[in-house]
Amino acid sequence: MRRHGVRREVTEQQLSAITDAELHYAVIIAWSDEDQAYVARVPDLPGCTADGPTYEAAAAQIRQAMRLWLWAAKDRGEPAPEPRQAFVAA
């Protein structure tokens, strides 16, 4: 049963169950003059974005956002999407 719109608390233990190996999606991090921050997004996970004052902070925040996104999908009984884009480091 889908529960769109239902908010549930997620614990650190639940998030830590999402392993680094599951975070195999391409991430784009770029400086935003408008936001005056580094903005990170995951094209394969719609709406999965984060930001930070430094590149490293944005990278840490997007890892957390990816874990939350994947946890929410699992909580709704939806499979994690397959990565469509190859990882490219710049």
N, C-alpha and C. Protein backbone atom coordinates (compact mmCIF):
# COMPACT_ATOMS: atom_id res chain seq x y z
N MET A 1 0.84 -1.17 0.00
CA MET A 1 0.00 0.00 0.00
C MET A 1 0.89 1.24 0.00
N ARG A 2 0.63 2.17 -0.87
CA ARG A 2 1.40 3.40 -0.95
C ARG A 2 0.87 4.40 0.07
N ARG A 3 1.80 5.10 0.71
CA ARG A 3 1.42 6.05 1.74
C ARG A 3 1.96 7.43 1.41
N HIS A 4 1.71 7.91 0.23
CA HIS A 4 2.21 9.23 -0.14
C HIS A 4 1.66 10.28 0.80
N GLY A 5 2.53 11.20 1.19
CA GLY A 5 2.10 12.29 2.05
C GLY A 5 2.14 11.96 3.53
N VAL A 6 2.41 10.72 3.90
CA VAL A 6 2.47 10.34 5.30
C VAL A 6 3.91 10.54 5.77
N ARG A 7 4.08 11.32 6.82
CA ARG A 7 5.41 11.59 7.34
C ARG A 7 5.71 10.63 8.48
N ARG A 8 6.88 10.05 8.42
CA ARG A 8 7.35 9.17 9.49
C ARG A 8 8.75 9.59 9.87
N GLU A 9 9.07 9.42 11.11
CA GLU A 9 10.42 9.71 11.57
C GLU A 9 11.34 8.56 11.15
N VAL A 10 12.52 8.90 10.74
CA VAL A 10 13.52 7.90 10.39
C VAL A 10 14.66 8.03 11.40
N THR A 11 15.16 6.89 11.84
CA THR A 11 16.23 6.90 12.82
C THR A 11 17.59 6.79 12.13
N GLU A 12 18.63 7.17 12.84
CA GLU A 12 19.99 7.02 12.31
C GLU A 12 20.29 5.55 12.02
N GLN A 13 19.75 4.66 12.84
CA GLN A 13 19.96 3.23 12.62
C GLN A 13 19.35 2.80 11.29
N GLN A 14 18.15 3.28 10.99
CA GLN A 14 17.52 2.94 9.72
C GLN A 14 18.33 3.50 8.55
N LEU A 15 18.81 4.72 8.69
CA LEU A 15 19.60 5.31 7.62
C LEU A 15 20.93 4.59 7.44
N SER A 16 21.54 4.17 8.54
CA SER A 16 22.83 3.48 8.44
C SER A 16 22.67 2.11 7.79
N ALA A 17 21.45 1.60 7.72
CA ALA A 17 21.21 0.33 7.02
C ALA A 17 21.36 0.50 5.51
N ILE A 18 21.28 1.74 5.03
CA ILE A 18 21.56 2.03 3.61
C ILE A 18 23.07 2.15 3.50
N THR A 19 23.71 1.17 2.88
CA THR A 19 25.16 1.12 2.84
C THR A 19 25.74 2.04 1.77
N ASP A 20 27.02 2.34 1.92
CA ASP A 20 27.71 3.15 0.90
C ASP A 20 27.65 2.47 -0.46
N ALA A 21 27.63 1.15 -0.49
CA ALA A 21 27.55 0.43 -1.76
C ALA A 21 26.24 0.72 -2.49
N GLU A 22 25.20 1.07 -1.75
CA GLU A 22 23.91 1.39 -2.38
C GLU A 22 23.88 2.81 -2.93
N LEU A 23 24.87 3.62 -2.59
CA LEU A 23 24.91 5.01 -3.05
C LEU A 23 25.75 5.10 -4.33
N HIS A 24 25.42 4.29 -5.30
CA HIS A 24 26.21 4.17 -6.53
C HIS A 24 25.65 5.02 -7.67
N TYR A 25 25.11 6.14 -7.35
CA TYR A 25 24.51 7.03 -8.34
C TYR A 25 25.46 8.19 -8.66
N ALA A 26 25.38 8.68 -9.87
CA ALA A 26 26.15 9.85 -10.25
C ALA A 26 25.65 11.06 -9.48
N VAL A 27 26.57 11.88 -9.02
CA VAL A 27 26.25 13.10 -8.28
C VAL A 27 26.88 14.27 -9.02
N ILE A 28 26.12 15.32 -9.16
CA ILE A 28 26.63 16.54 -9.78
C ILE A 28 26.70 17.60 -8.68
N ILE A 29 27.89 18.17 -8.51
CA ILE A 29 28.09 19.23 -7.52
C ILE A 29 28.67 20.43 -8.25
N ALA A 30 28.01 21.57 -8.09
CA ALA A 30 28.47 22.79 -8.75
C ALA A 30 28.23 24.00 -7.86
N TRP A 31 29.06 25.02 -8.03
CA TRP A 31 28.88 26.26 -7.29
C TRP A 31 27.68 27.00 -7.85
N SER A 32 26.85 27.56 -6.98
CA SER A 32 25.70 28.36 -7.39
C SER A 32 25.91 29.79 -6.90
N ASP A 33 26.10 30.72 -7.83
CA ASP A 33 26.21 32.13 -7.44
C ASP A 33 24.92 32.60 -6.79
N GLU A 34 23.80 32.13 -7.30
CA GLU A 34 22.50 32.53 -6.76
C GLU A 34 22.35 32.14 -5.29
N ASP A 35 22.76 30.90 -4.97
CA ASP A 35 22.62 30.40 -3.60
C ASP A 35 23.85 30.68 -2.74
N GLN A 36 24.95 31.08 -3.38
CA GLN A 36 26.22 31.28 -2.68
C GLN A 36 26.59 30.03 -1.89
N ALA A 37 26.46 28.89 -2.57
CA ALA A 37 26.76 27.60 -1.95
C ALA A 37 27.02 26.58 -3.06
N TYR A 38 27.64 25.49 -2.69
CA TYR A 38 27.76 24.36 -3.61
C TYR A 38 26.45 23.60 -3.55
N VAL A 39 25.89 23.30 -4.71
CA VAL A 39 24.61 22.59 -4.80
C VAL A 39 24.88 21.22 -5.43
N ALA A 40 24.37 20.19 -4.78
CA ALA A 40 24.55 18.82 -5.26
C ALA A 40 23.19 18.25 -5.65
N ARG A 41 23.18 17.45 -6.72
CA ARG A 41 21.95 16.78 -7.12
C ARG A 41 22.28 15.41 -7.68
N VAL A 42 21.29 14.53 -7.61
CA VAL A 42 21.42 13.16 -8.11
C VAL A 42 20.36 13.00 -9.21
N PRO A 43 20.76 13.07 -10.48
CA PRO A 43 19.77 13.01 -11.56
C PRO A 43 18.88 11.77 -11.54
N ASP A 44 19.41 10.64 -11.07
CA ASP A 44 18.63 9.40 -11.07
C ASP A 44 17.64 9.30 -9.91
N LEU A 45 17.74 10.22 -8.95
CA LEU A 45 16.83 10.22 -7.79
C LEU A 45 16.09 11.56 -7.79
N PRO A 46 14.94 11.62 -8.44
CA PRO A 46 14.23 12.89 -8.59
C PRO A 46 14.03 13.63 -7.26
N GLY A 47 14.41 14.89 -7.27
CA GLY A 47 14.24 15.72 -6.08
C GLY A 47 15.33 15.57 -5.05
N CYS A 48 16.30 14.72 -5.29
CA CYS A 48 17.38 14.49 -4.33
C CYS A 48 18.45 15.55 -4.53
N THR A 49 18.43 16.56 -3.66
CA THR A 49 19.38 17.66 -3.74
C THR A 49 19.88 18.01 -2.34
N ALA A 50 21.00 18.69 -2.30
CA ALA A 50 21.57 19.16 -1.04
C ALA A 50 22.51 20.30 -1.37
N ASP A 51 22.94 21.00 -0.34
CA ASP A 51 23.91 22.07 -0.56
C ASP A 51 24.83 22.19 0.64
N GLY A 52 25.87 22.98 0.46
CA GLY A 52 26.80 23.22 1.55
C GLY A 52 27.72 24.37 1.21
N PRO A 53 28.36 24.96 2.21
CA PRO A 53 29.25 26.09 1.97
C PRO A 53 30.55 25.71 1.28
N THR A 54 30.90 24.43 1.36
CA THR A 54 32.09 23.92 0.67
C THR A 54 31.70 22.71 -0.16
N TYR A 55 32.59 22.35 -1.10
CA TYR A 55 32.35 21.15 -1.92
C TYR A 55 32.20 19.93 -1.03
N GLU A 56 33.08 19.81 -0.04
CA GLU A 56 33.06 18.65 0.85
C GLU A 56 31.77 18.59 1.66
N ALA A 57 31.29 19.75 2.12
CA ALA A 57 30.05 19.77 2.89
C ALA A 57 28.87 19.37 2.01
N ALA A 58 28.85 19.85 0.77
CA ALA A 58 27.77 19.47 -0.15
C ALA A 58 27.82 17.97 -0.43
N ALA A 59 29.02 17.42 -0.57
CA ALA A 59 29.16 15.98 -0.82
C ALA A 59 28.65 15.17 0.36
N ALA A 60 28.96 15.61 1.58
CA ALA A 60 28.47 14.91 2.78
C ALA A 60 26.95 15.01 2.88
N GLN A 61 26.41 16.18 2.59
CA GLN A 61 24.96 16.38 2.67
C GLN A 61 24.22 15.56 1.62
N ILE A 62 24.79 15.43 0.41
CA ILE A 62 24.08 14.67 -0.63
C ILE A 62 24.10 13.18 -0.30
N ARG A 63 25.15 12.70 0.36
CA ARG A 63 25.14 11.29 0.78
C ARG A 63 23.99 11.04 1.76
N GLN A 64 23.79 11.97 2.69
CA GLN A 64 22.68 11.84 3.64
C GLN A 64 21.34 11.93 2.90
N ALA A 65 21.23 12.86 1.96
CA ALA A 65 19.99 13.01 1.19
C ALA A 65 19.69 11.75 0.39
N MET A 66 20.73 11.12 -0.17
CA MET A 66 20.54 9.88 -0.93
C MET A 66 20.03 8.77 -0.01
N ARG A 67 20.60 8.69 1.19
CA ARG A 67 20.13 7.67 2.15
C ARG A 67 18.66 7.90 2.49
N LEU A 68 18.28 9.15 2.72
CA LEU A 68 16.88 9.46 3.02
C LEU A 68 15.98 9.12 1.84
N TRP A 69 16.40 9.45 0.64
CA TRP A 69 15.61 9.17 -0.56
C TRP A 69 15.40 7.66 -0.71
N LEU A 70 16.49 6.90 -0.57
CA LEU A 70 16.40 5.44 -0.73
C LEU A 70 15.58 4.81 0.40
N TRP A 71 15.73 5.32 1.63
CA TRP A 71 14.92 4.81 2.74
C TRP A 71 13.44 5.05 2.46
N ALA A 72 13.09 6.25 2.00
CA ALA A 72 11.68 6.56 1.72
C ALA A 72 11.12 5.65 0.64
N ALA A 73 11.92 5.38 -0.40
CA ALA A 73 11.46 4.47 -1.46
C ALA A 73 11.20 3.07 -0.89
N LYS A 74 12.15 2.58 -0.09
CA LYS A 74 11.96 1.25 0.52
C LYS A 74 10.75 1.23 1.44
N ASP A 75 10.57 2.31 2.20
CA ASP A 75 9.44 2.41 3.12
C ASP A 75 8.11 2.36 2.37
N ARG A 76 8.09 2.88 1.15
CA ARG A 76 6.88 2.84 0.32
C ARG A 76 6.75 1.54 -0.47
N GLY A 77 7.75 0.67 -0.32
CA GLY A 77 7.72 -0.60 -1.05
C GLY A 77 8.14 -0.48 -2.50
N GLU A 78 8.84 0.60 -2.83
CA GLU A 78 9.29 0.83 -4.20
C GLU A 78 10.76 0.41 -4.33
N PRO A 79 11.12 -0.16 -5.46
CA PRO A 79 12.53 -0.54 -5.64
C PRO A 79 13.37 0.70 -5.91
N ALA A 80 14.63 0.61 -5.56
CA ALA A 80 15.56 1.70 -5.88
C ALA A 80 15.78 1.71 -7.40
N PRO A 81 15.80 2.87 -8.01
CA PRO A 81 16.01 2.92 -9.45
C PRO A 81 17.42 2.49 -9.82
N GLU A 82 17.55 1.90 -10.99
CA GLU A 82 18.88 1.56 -11.50
C GLU A 82 19.56 2.84 -11.96
N PRO A 83 20.85 2.97 -11.70
CA PRO A 83 21.56 4.14 -12.19
C PRO A 83 21.53 4.19 -13.72
N ARG A 84 21.22 5.35 -14.27
CA ARG A 84 21.18 5.51 -15.72
C ARG A 84 22.45 6.15 -16.25
N GLN A 85 23.14 6.85 -15.39
CA GLN A 85 24.30 7.61 -15.84
C GLN A 85 25.57 7.02 -15.26
N ALA A 86 26.62 7.06 -16.06
CA ALA A 86 27.91 6.60 -15.57
C ALA A 86 28.50 7.63 -14.64
N PHE A 87 29.26 7.19 -13.68
CA PHE A 87 29.91 8.10 -12.74
C PHE A 87 31.12 8.73 -13.42
N VAL A 88 31.20 10.03 -13.36
CA VAL A 88 32.34 10.74 -13.92
C VAL A 88 32.87 11.68 -12.85
N ALA A 89 34.12 11.52 -12.50
CA ALA A 89 34.73 12.42 -11.51
C ALA A 89 35.42 13.55 -12.24
N ALA A 90 35.27 14.74 -11.70
CA ALA A 90 35.92 15.89 -12.33
C ALA A 90 36.97 16.46 -11.42
